[in-house]
Amino acid sequence: MKFTYTGKIGFCIGEDIERPSSDLMDKLTSYGTPALSDGLNKFNTMDAHIKPAAKGTRIAGPALTVRMRPGDNLMLHKAIGLAKEGDVIVVDTCGCENCSVMGDLMASAAFKKGIGGFVIDGGIRDIAELQEKQFPVFARFVTPSVGDKDGPGEINLPISCGGVPVLPGDYIVADDNGVVVIRPDIVGQIVEGTEKKLAYEAKRMEEIENNCLIKPDVDEKLKKAGVIV
């Protein structure tokens, strides 16, 4: 896949992303990440350490990707300026473990624009303010320490976030359970697989309500293994 950008490798901005319909994003949000993760065959689910700053917040939108030097957030500032309503800014801090890259002021500016949310494989701060405002920010850790604003960095080129490859324009869905990444070209398959999973869960819940509490295939597997007769 060819990516066009201005600047130089490591310090550049790629082409703008293609944005999906709001109806599709609403549908993905309604499914929730557990069913979507099943629909993805357990792939493309981010590291469990990336968690919401405020419980109950949700995200669904196209990824505007940012890759930054550890401890620097220059390109995150620029990404906020470039982002459009509904975009999800997904940030690769290249393994930074001791600096925050965003706090209340940056988040407030972003959400004033209508940005859909942030997923940051790195640190944030001002956690009380983010929680009070119910900002949909997902991050790896919280620390008061802040880094530099000098660069380099990249916007709208491939990144890694939470152990998952993320391309500009990929669909990001996040909730209290975690974060999943969906390639636009396979979203139809994922919707089909997710709806199949949800139908199974509805049927299984009906069985539970009718006192079928343990699935019969559990004992069948144990019999085959010689555990029970």
C-alpha atoms as a PDB file:
ATOM      1  CA  MET A   1       0.000   0.000   0.000  1.00  0.00           C
ATOM      2  CA  LYS A   2       1.401   3.384  -1.002  1.00  0.00           C
ATOM      3  CA  PHE A   3       1.110   6.382   1.312  1.00  0.00           C
ATOM      4  CA  THR A   4       1.570   9.947   0.096  1.00  0.00           C
ATOM      5  CA  TYR A   5       2.826  12.583   2.514  1.00  0.00           C
ATOM      6  CA  THR A   6       4.406  16.008   2.788  1.00  0.00           C
ATOM      7  CA  GLY A   7       7.645  16.467   4.707  1.00  0.00           C
ATOM      8  CA  LYS A   8      10.209  13.740   5.217  1.00  0.00           C
ATOM      9  CA  ILE A   9      10.046  10.238   6.623  1.00  0.00           C
ATOM     10  CA  GLY A  10       9.686  10.494  10.382  1.00  0.00           C
ATOM     11  CA  PHE A  11       8.495  14.102  10.282  1.00  0.00           C
ATOM     12  CA  CYS A  12       5.558  14.315   7.910  1.00  0.00           C
ATOM     13  CA  ILE A  13       1.798  14.522   7.376  1.00  0.00           C
ATOM     14  CA  GLY A  14      -0.054  12.020   5.197  1.00  0.00           C
ATOM     15  CA  GLU A  15      -3.162  12.418   3.100  1.00  0.00           C
ATOM     16  CA  ASP A  16      -6.533  13.071   4.695  1.00  0.00           C
ATOM     17  CA  ILE A  17      -8.623  10.026   5.619  1.00  0.00           C
ATOM     18  CA  GLU A  18     -11.871   8.800   4.089  1.00  0.00           C
ATOM     19  CA  ARG A  19     -14.735   9.104   6.544  1.00  0.00           C
ATOM     20  CA  PRO A  20     -17.648   6.639   6.933  1.00  0.00           C
ATOM     21  CA  SER A  21     -21.337   7.388   7.376  1.00  0.00           C
ATOM     22  CA  SER A  22     -22.581   8.231  10.851  1.00  0.00           C
ATOM     23  CA  ASP A  23     -25.180   5.442  10.505  1.00  0.00           C
ATOM     24  CA  LEU A  24     -22.426   2.836  10.197  1.00  0.00           C
ATOM     25  CA  MET A  25     -20.611   4.211  13.239  1.00  0.00           C
ATOM     26  CA  ASP A  26     -23.847   4.195  15.247  1.00  0.00           C
ATOM     27  CA  LYS A  27     -24.358   0.544  14.300  1.00  0.00           C
ATOM     28  CA  LEU A  28     -20.842  -0.436  15.381  1.00  0.00           C
ATOM     29  CA  THR A  29     -21.283   1.441  18.667  1.00  0.00           C
ATOM     30  CA  SER A  30     -24.531  -0.401  19.370  1.00  0.00           C
ATOM     31  CA  TYR A  31     -22.854  -3.799  19.067  1.00  0.00           C
ATOM     32  CA  GLY A  32     -20.270  -3.191  21.801  1.00  0.00           C
ATOM     33  CA  THR A  33     -16.653  -4.314  21.632  1.00  0.00           C
ATOM     34  CA  PRO A  34     -17.097  -7.885  23.000  1.00  0.00           C
ATOM     35  CA  ALA A  35     -19.334  -8.922  20.099  1.00  0.00           C
ATOM     36  CA  LEU A  36     -17.153  -7.033  17.623  1.00  0.00           C
ATOM     37  CA  SER A  37     -14.046  -8.766  18.967  1.00  0.00           C
ATOM     38  CA  ASP A  38     -15.772 -12.110  18.407  1.00  0.00           C
ATOM     39  CA  GLY A  39     -16.754 -10.975  14.926  1.00  0.00           C
ATOM     40  CA  LEU A  40     -13.067 -10.182  14.299  1.00  0.00           C
ATOM     41  CA  ASN A  41     -12.207 -13.780  15.272  1.00  0.00           C
ATOM     42  CA  LYS A  42     -10.407 -12.464  18.374  1.00  0.00           C
ATOM     43  CA  PHE A  43      -7.960 -10.359  16.332  1.00  0.00           C
ATOM     44  CA  ASN A  44      -7.500  -6.551  16.335  1.00  0.00           C
ATOM     45  CA  THR A  45      -8.359  -6.090  19.996  1.00  0.00           C
ATOM     46  CA  MET A  46      -5.954  -3.714  21.709  1.00  0.00           C
ATOM     47  CA  ASP A  47      -3.897  -4.437  24.799  1.00  0.00           C
ATOM     48  CA  ALA A  48      -6.095  -4.586  27.899  1.00  0.00           C
ATOM     49  CA  HIS A  49      -3.988  -1.909  29.617  1.00  0.00           C
ATOM     50  CA  ILE A  50      -5.504   0.762  27.350  1.00  0.00           C
ATOM     51  CA  LYS A  51      -8.536   1.822  29.378  1.00  0.00           C
ATOM     52  CA  PRO A  52     -11.075   4.681  29.443  1.00  0.00           C
ATOM     53  CA  ALA A  53     -10.261   7.688  31.567  1.00  0.00           C
ATOM     54  CA  ALA A  54     -13.977   7.989  32.360  1.00  0.00           C
ATOM     55  CA  LYS A  55     -16.187   4.915  32.726  1.00  0.00           C
ATOM     56  CA  GLY A  56     -19.221   4.760  30.489  1.00  0.00           C
ATOM     57  CA  THR A  57     -17.672   6.656  27.577  1.00  0.00           C
ATOM     58  CA  ARG A  58     -17.772   5.209  24.057  1.00  0.00           C
ATOM     59  CA  ILE A  59     -16.003   5.857  20.774  1.00  0.00           C
ATOM     60  CA  ALA A  60     -16.744   4.919  17.165  1.00  0.00           C
ATOM     61  CA  GLY A  61     -15.097   6.688  14.262  1.00  0.00           C
ATOM     62  CA  PRO A  62     -12.319   6.696  11.678  1.00  0.00           C
ATOM     63  CA  ALA A  63      -8.718   6.748  12.855  1.00  0.00           C
ATOM     64  CA  LEU A  64      -6.580   9.811  12.386  1.00  0.00           C
ATOM     65  CA  THR A  65      -3.213   8.275  13.253  1.00  0.00           C
ATOM     66  CA  VAL A  66      -0.308   9.963  15.050  1.00  0.00           C
ATOM     67  CA  ARG A  67       3.174   8.593  15.710  1.00  0.00           C
ATOM     68  CA  MET A  68       5.455  10.612  17.981  1.00  0.00           C
ATOM     69  CA  ARG A  69       8.923  10.555  19.456  1.00  0.00           C
ATOM     70  CA  PRO A  70       8.782   9.256  23.052  1.00  0.00           C
ATOM     71  CA  GLY A  71       8.012  12.133  25.403  1.00  0.00           C
ATOM     72  CA  ASP A  72       7.001  14.593  22.669  1.00  0.00           C
ATOM     73  CA  ASN A  73       3.520  15.726  21.575  1.00  0.00           C
ATOM     74  CA  LEU A  74       4.087  18.316  18.828  1.00  0.00           C
ATOM     75  CA  MET A  75       2.303  16.254  16.181  1.00  0.00           C
ATOM     76  CA  LEU A  76      -0.620  15.548  18.504  1.00  0.00           C
ATOM     77  CA  HIS A  77      -1.249  19.297  18.681  1.00  0.00           C
ATOM     78  CA  LYS A  78      -1.207  19.412  14.872  1.00  0.00           C
ATOM     79  CA  ALA A  79      -3.477  16.370  14.607  1.00  0.00           C
ATOM     80  CA  ILE A  80      -6.094  18.092  16.769  1.00  0.00           C
ATOM     81  CA  GLY A  81      -5.966  21.009  14.372  1.00  0.00           C
ATOM     82  CA  LEU A  82      -6.408  18.728  11.349  1.00  0.00           C
ATOM     83  CA  ALA A  83      -9.105  16.433  12.783  1.00  0.00           C
ATOM     84  CA  LYS A  84     -12.728  16.753  11.750  1.00  0.00           C
ATOM     85  CA  GLU A  85     -15.928  16.061  13.633  1.00  0.00           C
ATOM     86  CA  GLY A  86     -16.227  12.413  14.611  1.00  0.00           C
ATOM     87  CA  ASP A  87     -12.570  11.525  13.996  1.00  0.00           C
ATOM     88  CA  VAL A  88     -10.773   9.337  16.532  1.00  0.00           C
ATOM     89  CA  ILE A  89      -7.163  10.381  17.112  1.00  0.00           C
ATOM     90  CA  VAL A  90      -5.097   7.234  17.657  1.00  0.00           C
ATOM     91  CA  VAL A  91      -1.637   7.810  19.112  1.00  0.00           C
ATOM     92  CA  ASP A  92       1.546   5.721  19.053  1.00  0.00           C
ATOM     93  CA  THR A  93       4.068   7.181  21.534  1.00  0.00           C
ATOM     94  CA  CYS A  94       6.755   4.660  20.507  1.00  0.00           C
ATOM     95  CA  GLY A  95       6.753   3.004  23.919  1.00  0.00           C
ATOM     96  CA  CYS A  96       6.976   6.095  26.132  1.00  0.00           C
ATOM     97  CA  GLU A  97       6.411   5.044  29.750  1.00  0.00           C
ATOM     98  CA  ASN A  98       7.099   8.174  31.787  1.00  0.00           C
ATOM     99  CA  CYS A  99       5.395  11.198  30.180  1.00  0.00           C
ATOM    100  CA  SER A 100       1.848  12.289  29.489  1.00  0.00           C
ATOM    101  CA  VAL A 101       1.109  13.559  25.990  1.00  0.00           C
ATOM    102  CA  MET A 102      -2.277  15.131  26.681  1.00  0.00           C
ATOM    103  CA  GLY A 103      -4.235  16.740  29.488  1.00  0.00           C
ATOM    104  CA  ASP A 104      -7.392  18.736  30.083  1.00  0.00           C
ATOM    105  CA  LEU A 105      -6.487  21.753  27.923  1.00  0.00           C
ATOM    106  CA  MET A 106      -5.692  19.769  24.778  1.00  0.00           C
ATOM    107  CA  ALA A 107      -8.679  17.493  25.303  1.00  0.00           C
ATOM    108  CA  SER A 108     -11.003  20.463  25.809  1.00  0.00           C
ATOM    109  CA  ALA A 109      -9.812  22.040  22.561  1.00  0.00           C
ATOM    110  CA  ALA A 110     -10.298  18.761  20.700  1.00  0.00           C
ATOM    111  CA  PHE A 111     -13.790  18.061  21.957  1.00  0.00           C
ATOM    112  CA  LYS A 112     -14.802  21.677  21.328  1.00  0.00           C
ATOM    113  CA  LYS A 113     -14.249  20.734  17.651  1.00  0.00           C
ATOM    114  CA  GLY A 114     -16.448  17.650  17.966  1.00  0.00           C
ATOM    115  CA  ILE A 115     -13.656  15.092  17.791  1.00  0.00           C
ATOM    116  CA  GLY A 116     -14.959  11.603  18.496  1.00  0.00           C
ATOM    117  CA  GLY A 117     -12.288  10.549  20.966  1.00  0.00           C
ATOM    118  CA  PHE A 118      -8.680   9.605  21.657  1.00  0.00           C
ATOM    119  CA  VAL A 119      -6.944   6.249  21.944  1.00  0.00           C
ATOM    120  CA  ILE A 120      -3.420   6.773  23.275  1.00  0.00           C
ATOM    121  CA  ASP A 121      -0.787   4.064  23.700  1.00  0.00           C
ATOM    122  CA  GLY A 122       0.888   6.223  26.302  1.00  0.00           C
ATOM    123  CA  GLY A 123       0.152   8.593  29.148  1.00  0.00           C
ATOM    124  CA  ILE A 124      -2.359  11.315  29.980  1.00  0.00           C
ATOM    125  CA  ARG A 125      -2.858  13.657  32.939  1.00  0.00           C
ATOM    126  CA  ASP A 126      -5.563  15.821  34.560  1.00  0.00           C
ATOM    127  CA  ILE A 127      -7.536  12.653  35.108  1.00  0.00           C
ATOM    128  CA  ALA A 128     -10.073  14.255  37.485  1.00  0.00           C
ATOM    129  CA  GLU A 129     -10.980  16.894  34.900  1.00  0.00           C
ATOM    130  CA  LEU A 130     -11.252  14.335  32.089  1.00  0.00           C
ATOM    131  CA  GLN A 131     -13.547  12.210  34.246  1.00  0.00           C
ATOM    132  CA  GLU A 132     -15.682  15.148  35.338  1.00  0.00           C
ATOM    133  CA  LYS A 133     -16.212  16.189  31.708  1.00  0.00           C
ATOM    134  CA  GLN A 134     -16.775  12.570  30.606  1.00  0.00           C
ATOM    135  CA  PHE A 135     -14.324  12.951  27.741  1.00  0.00           C
ATOM    136  CA  PRO A 136     -13.949   9.734  25.694  1.00  0.00           C
ATOM    137  CA  VAL A 137     -10.194   9.332  26.167  1.00  0.00           C
ATOM    138  CA  PHE A 138      -8.591   5.888  26.322  1.00  0.00           C
ATOM    139  CA  ALA A 139      -4.952   5.630  27.441  1.00  0.00           C
ATOM    140  CA  ARG A 140      -2.337   3.272  28.868  1.00  0.00           C
ATOM    141  CA  PHE A 141      -1.435   5.178  32.038  1.00  0.00           C
ATOM    142  CA  VAL A 142      -1.779   8.411  34.014  1.00  0.00           C
ATOM    143  CA  THR A 143       1.125  10.586  35.149  1.00  0.00           C
ATOM    144  CA  PRO A 144       1.578  14.271  36.005  1.00  0.00           C
ATOM    145  CA  SER A 145       4.870  14.395  34.098  1.00  0.00           C
ATOM    146  CA  VAL A 146       4.831  16.053  30.679  1.00  0.00           C
ATOM    147  CA  GLY A 147       7.383  15.965  27.872  1.00  0.00           C
ATOM    148  CA  ASP A 148       8.473  18.197  25.010  1.00  0.00           C
ATOM    149  CA  LYS A 149       6.799  19.834  22.017  1.00  0.00           C
ATOM    150  CA  ASP A 150       9.534  19.743  19.372  1.00  0.00           C
ATOM    151  CA  GLY A 151       8.906  16.742  17.103  1.00  0.00           C
ATOM    152  CA  PRO A 152       9.548  14.745  15.060  1.00  0.00           C
ATOM    153  CA  GLY A 153       6.439  12.704  14.351  1.00  0.00           C
ATOM    154  CA  GLU A 154       4.009  11.495  11.700  1.00  0.00           C
ATOM    155  CA  ILE A 155       0.304  12.014  11.036  1.00  0.00           C
ATOM    156  CA  ASN A 156      -1.897   9.727   8.913  1.00  0.00           C
ATOM    157  CA  LEU A 157       0.665   7.018   8.289  1.00  0.00           C
ATOM    158  CA  PRO A 158       0.572   3.447   9.654  1.00  0.00           C
ATOM    159  CA  ILE A 159       1.116   3.064  13.398  1.00  0.00           C
ATOM    160  CA  SER A 160       0.920   0.448  16.127  1.00  0.00           C
ATOM    161  CA  CYS A 161      -1.398   1.075  19.068  1.00  0.00           C
ATOM    162  CA  GLY A 162      -2.029  -1.401  21.858  1.00  0.00           C
ATOM    163  CA  GLY A 163      -0.276  -4.140  19.880  1.00  0.00           C
ATOM    164  CA  VAL A 164      -2.563  -3.723  16.852  1.00  0.00           C
ATOM    165  CA  PRO A 165      -1.632  -2.219  13.465  1.00  0.00           C
ATOM    166  CA  VAL A 166      -3.743   0.861  12.731  1.00  0.00           C
ATOM    167  CA  LEU A 167      -3.969   2.475   9.314  1.00  0.00           C
ATOM    168  CA  PRO A 168      -5.368   5.951   8.673  1.00  0.00           C
ATOM    169  CA  GLY A 169      -9.131   5.639   8.240  1.00  0.00           C
ATOM    170  CA  ASP A 170      -9.503   2.306  10.056  1.00  0.00           C
ATOM    171  CA  TYR A 171     -12.656   2.170  12.187  1.00  0.00           C
ATOM    172  CA  ILE A 172     -12.065   2.437  15.932  1.00  0.00           C
ATOM    173  CA  VAL A 173     -14.685   1.261  18.429  1.00  0.00           C
ATOM    174  CA  ALA A 174     -14.057   1.593  22.165  1.00  0.00           C
ATOM    175  CA  ASP A 175     -16.059   1.192  25.357  1.00  0.00           C
ATOM    176  CA  ASP A 176     -15.544   0.042  28.945  1.00  0.00           C
ATOM    177  CA  ASN A 177     -14.534  -3.417  27.688  1.00  0.00           C
ATOM    178  CA  GLY A 178     -11.673  -2.166  25.509  1.00  0.00           C
ATOM    179  CA  VAL A 179     -10.744  -1.078  21.983  1.00  0.00           C
ATOM    180  CA  VAL A 180     -11.110  -2.849  18.638  1.00  0.00           C
ATOM    181  CA  VAL A 181      -9.841  -1.876  15.182  1.00  0.00           C
ATOM    182  CA  ILE A 182     -11.776  -2.709  11.988  1.00  0.00           C
ATOM    183  CA  ARG A 183     -10.465  -2.357   8.451  1.00  0.00           C
ATOM    184  CA  PRO A 184     -13.051  -0.579   6.270  1.00  0.00           C
ATOM    185  CA  ASP A 185     -12.742  -3.180   3.494  1.00  0.00           C
ATOM    186  CA  ILE A 186     -13.915  -5.993   5.787  1.00  0.00           C
ATOM    187  CA  VAL A 187     -16.538  -4.141   7.814  1.00  0.00           C
ATOM    188  CA  GLY A 188     -19.365  -6.007   6.046  1.00  0.00           C
ATOM    189  CA  GLN A 189     -17.921  -9.347   7.142  1.00  0.00           C
ATOM    190  CA  ILE A 190     -17.445  -8.077  10.672  1.00  0.00           C
ATOM    191  CA  VAL A 191     -21.040  -6.846  10.881  1.00  0.00           C
ATOM    192  CA  GLU A 192     -22.247 -10.259   9.671  1.00  0.00           C
ATOM    193  CA  GLY A 193     -20.100 -12.135  12.192  1.00  0.00           C
ATOM    194  CA  THR A 194     -21.078  -9.807  15.022  1.00  0.00           C
ATOM    195  CA  GLU A 195     -24.798 -10.147  14.355  1.00  0.00           C
ATOM    196  CA  LYS A 196     -24.393 -13.924  14.265  1.00  0.00           C
ATOM    197  CA  LYS A 197     -22.702 -13.797  17.666  1.00  0.00           C
ATOM    198  CA  LEU A 198     -25.406 -11.544  19.123  1.00  0.00           C
ATOM    199  CA  ALA A 199     -28.118 -13.901  17.859  1.00  0.00           C
ATOM    200  CA  TYR A 200     -26.342 -16.808  19.557  1.00  0.00           C
ATOM    201  CA  GLU A 201     -26.097 -14.860  22.819  1.00  0.00           C
ATOM    202  CA  ALA A 202     -29.814 -13.993  22.720  1.00  0.00           C
ATOM    203  CA  LYS A 203     -30.668 -17.664  22.216  1.00  0.00           C
ATOM    204  CA  ARG A 204     -28.316 -18.747  24.999  1.00  0.00           C
ATOM    205  CA  MET A 205     -29.826 -16.173  27.396  1.00  0.00           C
ATOM    206  CA  GLU A 206     -33.272 -17.600  26.633  1.00  0.00           C
ATOM    207  CA  GLU A 207     -31.944 -21.089  27.489  1.00  0.00           C
ATOM    208  CA  ILE A 208     -30.547 -19.801  30.788  1.00  0.00           C
ATOM    209  CA  GLU A 209     -33.881 -18.229  31.673  1.00  0.00           C
ATOM    210  CA  ASN A 210     -35.445 -21.650  31.004  1.00  0.00           C
ATOM    211  CA  ASN A 211     -32.980 -23.239  33.507  1.00  0.00           C
ATOM    212  CA  CYS A 212     -30.568 -24.703  30.963  1.00  0.00           C
ATOM    213  CA  LEU A 213     -27.660 -23.271  32.945  1.00  0.00           C
ATOM    214  CA  ILE A 214     -24.762 -25.333  31.592  1.00  0.00           C
ATOM    215  CA  LYS A 215     -24.365 -25.991  27.886  1.00  0.00           C
ATOM    216  CA  PRO A 216     -24.593 -29.709  26.977  1.00  0.00           C
ATOM    217  CA  ASP A 217     -21.382 -29.559  24.966  1.00  0.00           C
ATOM    218  CA  VAL A 218     -19.403 -28.989  28.200  1.00  0.00           C
ATOM    219  CA  ASP A 219     -20.102 -32.554  29.393  1.00  0.00           C
ATOM    220  CA  GLU A 220     -19.614 -33.887  25.867  1.00  0.00           C
ATOM    221  CA  LYS A 221     -16.092 -32.477  25.773  1.00  0.00           C
ATOM    222  CA  LEU A 222     -15.335 -33.814  29.252  1.00  0.00           C
ATOM    223  CA  LYS A 223     -16.548 -37.273  28.235  1.00  0.00           C
ATOM    224  CA  LYS A 224     -14.297 -37.268  25.173  1.00  0.00           C
ATOM    225  CA  ALA A 225     -11.390 -36.261  27.404  1.00  0.00           C
ATOM    226  CA  GLY A 226     -12.152 -39.126  29.828  1.00  0.00           C
ATOM    227  CA  VAL A 227     -12.819 -36.799  32.730  1.00  0.00           C
ATOM    228  CA  ILE A 228     -16.392 -37.997  33.269  1.00  0.00           C
ATOM    229  CA  VAL A 229     -18.359 -41.014  32.051  1.00  0.00           C
END
